[in-house]
Amino acid sequence: MGDQNTLPFITVEDLFEHNNKRISLQIINSKVSFVRKIREKELHRPGLALSGFVEVFTYWRVQIMGNTEIGYLNTLQGEQRARAISTVLGFDLPCIIITNNNPPPNELVEIANQNGITLFSTPLSTTAVSYHLGEYLDTIFAPHTIVHGSLVDVYGVGMLIAGPSSIGKSELALDLVERGHQLIADDVVHITRVSMNVLEGAPNDVLTHHMEIRGLGIIDVRRMFGIRAIRGKKVIEIVVNLEQWDNARDYERIGVDEKTMEIMGIKVPMVELPIFPGKNITVIAEVIAMNHKLKERGEYAARDFNEHLIAKMLNKSENK
């Protein structure tokens, strides 16, 4: 479902532009390494490398220098300090972020300029910087894919509406928005696997919260229904797969056998919803969301009904 598209890298400039306000990044020397590429989400602290042990130095990652690294450099003198810094900055580092507003030694700035490495400074602690940048890089490098459908928040449940072209996915999403639910994305849904078992959907950068309604054209949901009618992203909890009614098919009537749709290796609960003229699929979609919330609480109407029915049949059999 959709074509997986993994972003191979970001640049140091991307890192700065997306995080300079978030962690108060300031450029110490220049933008000289802004074109360098970051290819991994992990961060690195070059403490061992400063002491001369570079066999396991992951120099291609963003380097973080905190109190420990700067404090160590301040204990060194003259050529010894320059040698330690040259050992680390002799590699093609993307950039170095110095935390806690620690003033960098003059040799660090000079050698960084000579080797074309941008130095950043931030008032945040190393722990805080690692948390915020780690969260950002996790999102950037997380596996993601694109799905054609609509994603709506229905009673707090992230509902991905799927189905063949022209089946009425956008129309159902629009009807749900009109009834007070929130649109996340229409037509193109960007899905990111944010953890082993969690998928998060977001809109296309171009379409954002616009919708294409056949026969009408493009509409702006935010302007038409207000800011409360949209949201930026949502965890996908259930898939409603629309399909044309087939008289020859035997559809599920009780709901004991639960179906799933696999997206990037994660099985998401799915309801196959056959449609035909006159069927109120909007109300059914709302019921699907509410039923999902009940299941999260351990309340399974179909299972409970089935168990009650079996018990009643057994009781009648025993009384014969």
Protein backbone atom coordinates (compact mmCIF):
# COMPACT_ATOMS: atom_id res chain seq x y z
CA MET A 1 0.00 0.00 0.00
CA GLY A 2 1.93 3.06 -1.21
CA ASP A 3 5.60 3.28 -2.15
CA GLN A 4 8.12 3.46 0.66
CA ASN A 5 10.39 6.47 0.38
CA THR A 6 13.31 6.75 2.80
CA LEU A 7 15.06 10.09 3.04
CA PRO A 8 18.81 9.28 2.59
CA PHE A 9 20.19 12.41 4.26
CA ILE A 10 19.69 15.95 5.48
CA THR A 11 22.23 18.76 5.40
CA VAL A 12 23.69 20.71 8.29
CA GLU A 13 21.71 23.66 6.96
CA ASP A 14 18.48 21.63 7.31
CA LEU A 15 19.44 20.75 10.87
CA PHE A 16 20.03 24.41 11.72
CA GLU A 17 16.92 25.77 9.98
CA HIS A 18 14.62 23.23 11.65
CA ASN A 19 16.13 23.48 15.14
CA ASN A 20 17.72 26.90 15.65
CA LYS A 21 14.67 28.24 17.49
CA ARG A 22 13.82 24.97 19.18
CA ILE A 23 17.19 24.63 20.94
CA SER A 24 18.44 28.23 20.51
CA LEU A 25 21.28 27.33 18.15
CA GLN A 26 23.79 30.08 17.44
CA ILE A 27 26.55 29.92 14.82
CA ILE A 28 29.96 30.46 16.43
CA ASN A 29 32.18 30.67 13.35
CA SER A 30 30.57 30.36 9.89
CA LYS A 31 28.19 28.37 7.68
CA VAL A 32 31.14 26.68 6.02
CA SER A 33 29.88 23.09 6.55
CA PHE A 34 26.20 23.80 5.91
CA VAL A 35 26.32 21.68 2.74
CA ARG A 36 27.66 18.60 4.54
CA LYS A 37 25.32 15.65 4.81
CA ILE A 38 23.94 13.94 7.89
CA ARG A 39 23.02 10.34 7.13
CA GLU A 40 22.24 8.90 10.58
CA LYS A 41 19.85 9.79 13.37
CA GLU A 42 22.32 8.97 16.16
CA LEU A 43 24.33 11.71 17.87
CA HIS A 44 27.91 11.34 19.13
CA ARG A 45 30.02 12.77 21.96
CA PRO A 46 33.72 12.76 20.97
CA GLY A 47 35.19 12.34 24.46
CA LEU A 48 37.28 9.25 23.67
CA ALA A 49 38.42 10.70 20.35
CA LEU A 50 39.73 13.82 22.11
CA SER A 51 41.90 11.55 24.26
CA GLY A 52 43.34 9.98 21.10
CA PHE A 53 41.23 6.80 20.78
CA VAL A 54 39.60 7.08 17.35
CA GLU A 55 39.13 3.41 16.41
CA VAL A 56 35.39 3.57 17.18
CA PHE A 57 34.92 7.27 16.41
CA THR A 58 31.65 7.73 14.47
CA TYR A 59 32.77 11.04 12.99
CA TRP A 60 29.98 11.16 10.37
CA ARG A 61 27.36 11.88 13.04
CA VAL A 62 26.46 15.23 14.59
CA GLN A 63 29.01 15.83 17.37
CA ILE A 64 27.93 17.13 20.79
CA MET A 65 30.45 18.75 23.13
CA GLY A 66 29.18 19.32 26.66
CA ASN A 67 30.72 20.20 30.02
CA THR A 68 32.85 17.04 30.00
CA GLU A 69 34.46 17.63 26.60
CA ILE A 70 35.05 21.37 27.04
CA GLY A 71 36.21 20.83 30.62
CA TYR A 72 38.71 18.22 29.43
CA LEU A 73 40.07 20.54 26.72
CA ASN A 74 40.50 23.32 29.29
CA THR A 75 42.79 21.05 31.33
CA LEU A 76 45.16 20.74 28.37
CA GLN A 77 47.79 23.29 27.48
CA GLY A 78 49.27 24.64 24.24
CA GLU A 79 50.29 21.98 21.72
CA GLN A 80 48.61 19.23 23.73
CA ARG A 81 45.23 20.93 23.39
CA ALA A 82 45.72 21.73 19.72
CA ARG A 83 46.74 18.11 19.07
CA ALA A 84 43.63 16.73 20.79
CA ILE A 85 41.37 19.07 18.81
CA SER A 86 43.17 18.36 15.52
CA THR A 87 42.72 14.62 16.08
CA VAL A 88 38.93 15.01 16.18
CA LEU A 89 38.54 17.79 13.63
CA GLY A 90 40.83 16.00 11.20
CA PHE A 91 37.80 13.90 10.25
CA ASP A 92 34.98 15.13 7.99
CA LEU A 93 32.58 16.05 10.78
CA PRO A 94 29.20 17.47 9.75
CA CYS A 95 29.19 19.99 12.61
CA ILE A 96 29.81 20.40 16.34
CA ILE A 97 27.22 21.62 18.85
CA ILE A 98 28.62 23.02 22.11
CA THR A 99 26.07 22.89 24.94
CA ASN A 100 25.53 24.90 28.15
CA ASN A 101 26.86 28.07 26.44
CA ASN A 102 30.39 26.80 27.12
CA PRO A 103 32.92 29.18 25.55
CA PRO A 104 34.97 27.17 23.03
CA PRO A 105 38.77 27.25 23.33
CA ASN A 106 40.39 29.51 20.75
CA GLU A 107 42.16 26.53 19.22
CA LEU A 108 38.81 24.81 18.61
CA VAL A 109 37.50 27.77 16.62
CA GLU A 110 40.76 28.18 14.66
CA ILE A 111 41.06 24.51 13.71
CA ALA A 112 37.33 24.33 12.87
CA ASN A 113 37.78 27.24 10.46
CA GLN A 114 40.84 25.59 8.90
CA ASN A 115 38.98 22.30 8.38
CA GLY A 116 35.67 23.82 7.24
CA ILE A 117 33.54 22.70 10.19
CA THR A 118 30.68 24.80 11.55
CA LEU A 119 30.50 25.24 15.32
CA PHE A 120 27.17 25.87 17.05
CA SER A 121 26.42 26.99 20.57
CA THR A 122 23.29 26.47 22.66
CA PRO A 123 22.35 27.38 26.26
CA LEU A 124 20.59 24.04 26.71
CA SER A 125 22.15 21.13 28.56
CA THR A 126 23.62 18.16 26.72
CA THR A 127 20.71 16.01 27.89
CA ALA A 128 18.11 18.49 26.59
CA VAL A 129 19.89 18.92 23.24
CA SER A 130 20.21 15.15 22.81
CA TYR A 131 16.50 14.72 23.55
CA HIS A 132 15.26 17.43 21.16
CA LEU A 133 17.64 16.60 18.31
CA GLY A 134 17.10 12.88 18.82
CA GLU A 135 13.34 13.35 18.49
CA TYR A 136 13.81 15.46 15.36
CA LEU A 137 16.24 13.03 13.70
CA ASP A 138 14.09 10.03 14.65
CA THR A 139 11.24 11.60 12.70
CA ILE A 140 13.42 12.56 9.74
CA PHE A 141 15.00 9.14 9.34
CA ALA A 142 11.98 7.04 10.32
CA PRO A 143 10.64 4.72 7.58
CA HIS A 144 7.77 6.36 5.76
CA THR A 145 5.46 5.82 2.84
CA ILE A 146 2.70 7.58 0.91
CA VAL A 147 -0.86 6.26 0.79
CA HIS A 148 -3.72 7.53 -1.36
CA GLY A 149 -6.71 8.05 0.89
CA SER A 150 -8.02 10.35 3.60
CA LEU A 151 -7.09 10.56 7.27
CA VAL A 152 -9.62 11.91 9.77
CA ASP A 153 -9.69 12.18 13.55
CA VAL A 154 -13.09 10.74 14.50
CA TYR A 155 -13.85 10.96 18.21
CA GLY A 156 -10.11 10.91 18.89
CA VAL A 157 -9.51 7.85 16.69
CA GLY A 158 -7.15 8.21 13.72
CA MET A 159 -9.19 6.76 10.85
CA LEU A 160 -7.53 6.10 7.50
CA ILE A 161 -10.17 5.95 4.75
CA ALA A 162 -8.93 3.78 1.89
CA GLY A 163 -10.42 2.30 -1.25
CA PRO A 164 -10.29 2.48 -5.04
CA SER A 165 -10.32 5.74 -6.96
CA SER A 166 -13.68 7.58 -7.16
CA ILE A 167 -15.23 5.41 -4.45
CA GLY A 168 -15.99 8.46 -2.28
CA LYS A 169 -13.10 8.69 0.19
CA SER A 170 -12.89 12.49 0.09
CA GLU A 171 -16.67 12.87 0.25
CA LEU A 172 -16.81 10.71 3.39
CA ALA A 173 -13.96 12.70 4.95
CA LEU A 174 -15.73 15.98 4.10
CA ASP A 175 -18.98 14.73 5.62
CA LEU A 176 -17.14 13.76 8.82
CA VAL A 177 -15.52 17.21 9.01
CA GLU A 178 -18.94 18.84 8.54
CA ARG A 179 -20.14 16.80 11.53
CA GLY A 180 -17.38 18.21 13.73
CA HIS A 181 -14.48 15.81 13.24
CA GLN A 182 -10.96 16.83 12.20
CA LEU A 183 -9.23 16.41 8.85
CA ILE A 184 -5.55 15.50 8.87
CA ALA A 185 -4.96 14.72 5.19
CA ASP A 186 -6.87 14.10 1.99
CA ASP A 187 -5.83 12.35 -1.22
CA VAL A 188 -2.16 11.98 -0.20
CA VAL A 189 -1.36 10.76 3.31
CA HIS A 190 2.27 10.72 4.44
CA ILE A 191 2.69 7.85 6.90
CA THR A 192 5.69 7.55 9.21
CA ARG A 193 6.51 4.54 11.36
CA VAL A 194 7.45 6.41 14.52
CA SER A 195 8.05 3.23 16.55
CA MET A 196 7.83 -0.53 16.17
CA ASN A 197 4.03 -0.57 16.36
CA VAL A 198 2.93 3.03 15.74
CA LEU A 199 2.09 4.71 12.43
CA GLU A 200 1.54 8.45 12.21
CA GLY A 201 -0.18 10.20 9.30
CA ALA A 202 0.32 13.78 8.10
CA PRO A 203 -0.77 15.85 5.08
CA ASN A 204 1.16 16.51 1.92
CA ASP A 205 3.21 19.75 2.11
CA VAL A 206 1.48 21.10 -0.99
CA LEU A 207 -2.12 20.04 -0.34
CA THR A 208 -1.99 20.63 3.45
CA HIS A 209 -5.64 20.87 4.49
CA HIS A 210 -7.17 21.30 1.06
CA MET A 211 -9.54 18.76 -0.45
CA GLU A 212 -10.45 17.91 -4.02
CA ILE A 213 -14.16 17.22 -4.42
CA ARG A 214 -15.08 15.95 -7.87
CA GLY A 215 -17.51 18.26 -9.59
CA LEU A 216 -16.66 21.11 -7.20
CA GLY A 217 -12.88 21.40 -7.24
CA ILE A 218 -10.40 22.37 -4.51
CA ILE A 219 -11.72 23.62 -1.16
CA ASP A 220 -9.82 25.00 1.85
CA VAL A 221 -11.11 23.11 4.89
CA ARG A 222 -9.49 25.45 7.42
CA ARG A 223 -11.05 28.57 5.93
CA MET A 224 -14.40 26.94 5.36
CA PHE A 225 -14.86 25.12 8.68
CA GLY A 226 -12.38 26.88 10.97
CA ILE A 227 -9.14 25.96 12.69
CA ARG A 228 -10.86 23.34 14.87
CA ALA A 229 -11.67 21.29 11.76
CA ILE A 230 -8.02 20.40 11.08
CA ARG A 231 -4.97 19.00 12.80
CA GLY A 232 -1.37 18.47 11.70
CA LYS A 233 -0.84 14.77 12.34
CA LYS A 234 -2.47 11.77 13.97
CA VAL A 235 -1.63 8.20 14.92
CA ILE A 236 -3.44 5.79 12.58
CA GLU A 237 -5.54 3.40 14.67
CA ILE A 238 -8.00 1.90 12.20
CA VAL A 239 -8.49 1.60 8.44
CA VAL A 240 -11.93 1.87 6.84
CA ASN A 241 -11.65 0.30 3.41
CA LEU A 242 -14.50 1.39 1.12
CA GLU A 243 -15.62 -0.94 -1.64
CA GLN A 244 -18.55 -1.30 -3.99
CA TRP A 245 -21.32 -3.62 -2.83
CA ASP A 246 -21.05 -7.08 -4.39
CA ASN A 247 -24.25 -9.14 -4.25
CA ALA A 248 -22.28 -12.33 -4.75
CA ARG A 249 -20.07 -11.74 -1.73
CA ASP A 250 -20.80 -12.97 1.79
CA TYR A 251 -19.99 -9.99 4.03
CA GLU A 252 -19.18 -10.16 7.74
CA ARG A 253 -22.39 -9.82 9.76
CA ILE A 254 -21.31 -10.35 13.37
CA GLY A 255 -17.74 -9.00 13.41
CA VAL A 256 -16.03 -11.79 15.36
CA ASP A 257 -13.36 -12.28 12.71
CA GLU A 258 -11.28 -9.12 12.89
CA LYS A 259 -9.34 -8.06 9.79
CA THR A 260 -6.16 -6.07 9.46
CA MET A 261 -4.27 -4.14 6.79
CA GLU A 262 -0.47 -4.28 6.84
CA ILE A 263 1.32 -0.96 6.41
CA MET A 264 5.13 -0.97 6.63
CA GLY A 265 5.08 -4.22 8.56
CA ILE A 266 2.48 -3.07 11.08
CA LYS A 267 -0.95 -4.70 11.12
CA VAL A 268 -3.67 -2.07 11.55
CA PRO A 269 -7.26 -3.08 12.40
CA MET A 270 -9.42 -2.77 9.28
CA VAL A 271 -13.13 -2.66 8.56
CA GLU A 272 -14.27 -3.41 5.03
CA LEU A 273 -17.24 -1.15 4.38
CA PRO A 274 -19.34 -2.01 1.30
CA ILE A 275 -21.29 0.95 0.00
CA PHE A 276 -24.36 1.44 -2.17
CA PRO A 277 -26.73 4.35 -2.82
CA GLY A 278 -28.67 5.39 0.26
CA LYS A 279 -26.31 3.83 2.80
CA ASN A 280 -25.28 6.31 5.51
CA ILE A 281 -21.57 5.53 5.61
CA THR A 282 -20.79 8.66 7.65
CA VAL A 283 -22.77 7.47 10.66
CA ILE A 284 -21.28 3.99 10.23
CA ALA A 285 -17.77 5.51 10.21
CA GLU A 286 -18.57 7.25 13.50
CA VAL A 287 -19.82 3.98 14.95
CA ILE A 288 -16.62 2.25 13.79
CA ALA A 289 -14.57 4.83 15.71
CA MET A 290 -16.68 4.49 18.86
CA ASN A 291 -16.58 0.69 18.64
CA HIS A 292 -12.79 0.86 18.34
CA LYS A 293 -12.61 2.94 21.52
CA LEU A 294 -14.73 0.34 23.31
CA LYS A 295 -12.36 -2.41 22.15
CA GLU A 296 -9.46 -0.44 23.59
CA ARG A 297 -11.28 -0.66 26.93
CA GLY A 298 -11.64 -4.41 26.53
CA GLU A 299 -15.30 -4.31 25.49
CA TYR A 300 -15.96 -6.43 22.40
CA ALA A 301 -19.65 -6.35 21.46
CA ALA A 302 -19.38 -9.01 18.73
CA ARG A 303 -17.37 -11.40 20.92
CA ASP A 304 -19.63 -10.90 23.94
CA PHE A 305 -22.74 -11.43 21.80
CA ASN A 306 -21.27 -14.58 20.29
CA GLU A 307 -20.37 -15.99 23.72
CA HIS A 308 -23.84 -15.16 25.03
CA LEU A 309 -25.43 -16.86 22.02
CA ILE A 310 -23.33 -20.01 22.44
CA ALA A 311 -24.10 -20.17 26.16
CA LYS A 312 -27.81 -19.84 25.45
CA MET A 313 -27.68 -22.60 22.85
CA LEU A 314 -25.82 -24.90 25.24
CA ASN A 315 -28.31 -24.17 27.99
CA LYS A 316 -31.22 -25.11 25.73
CA SER A 317 -29.41 -28.30 24.69
CA GLU A 318 -28.88 -29.33 28.32
CA ASN A 319 -32.55 -28.72 29.21
CA LYS A 320 -33.86 -31.05 26.52
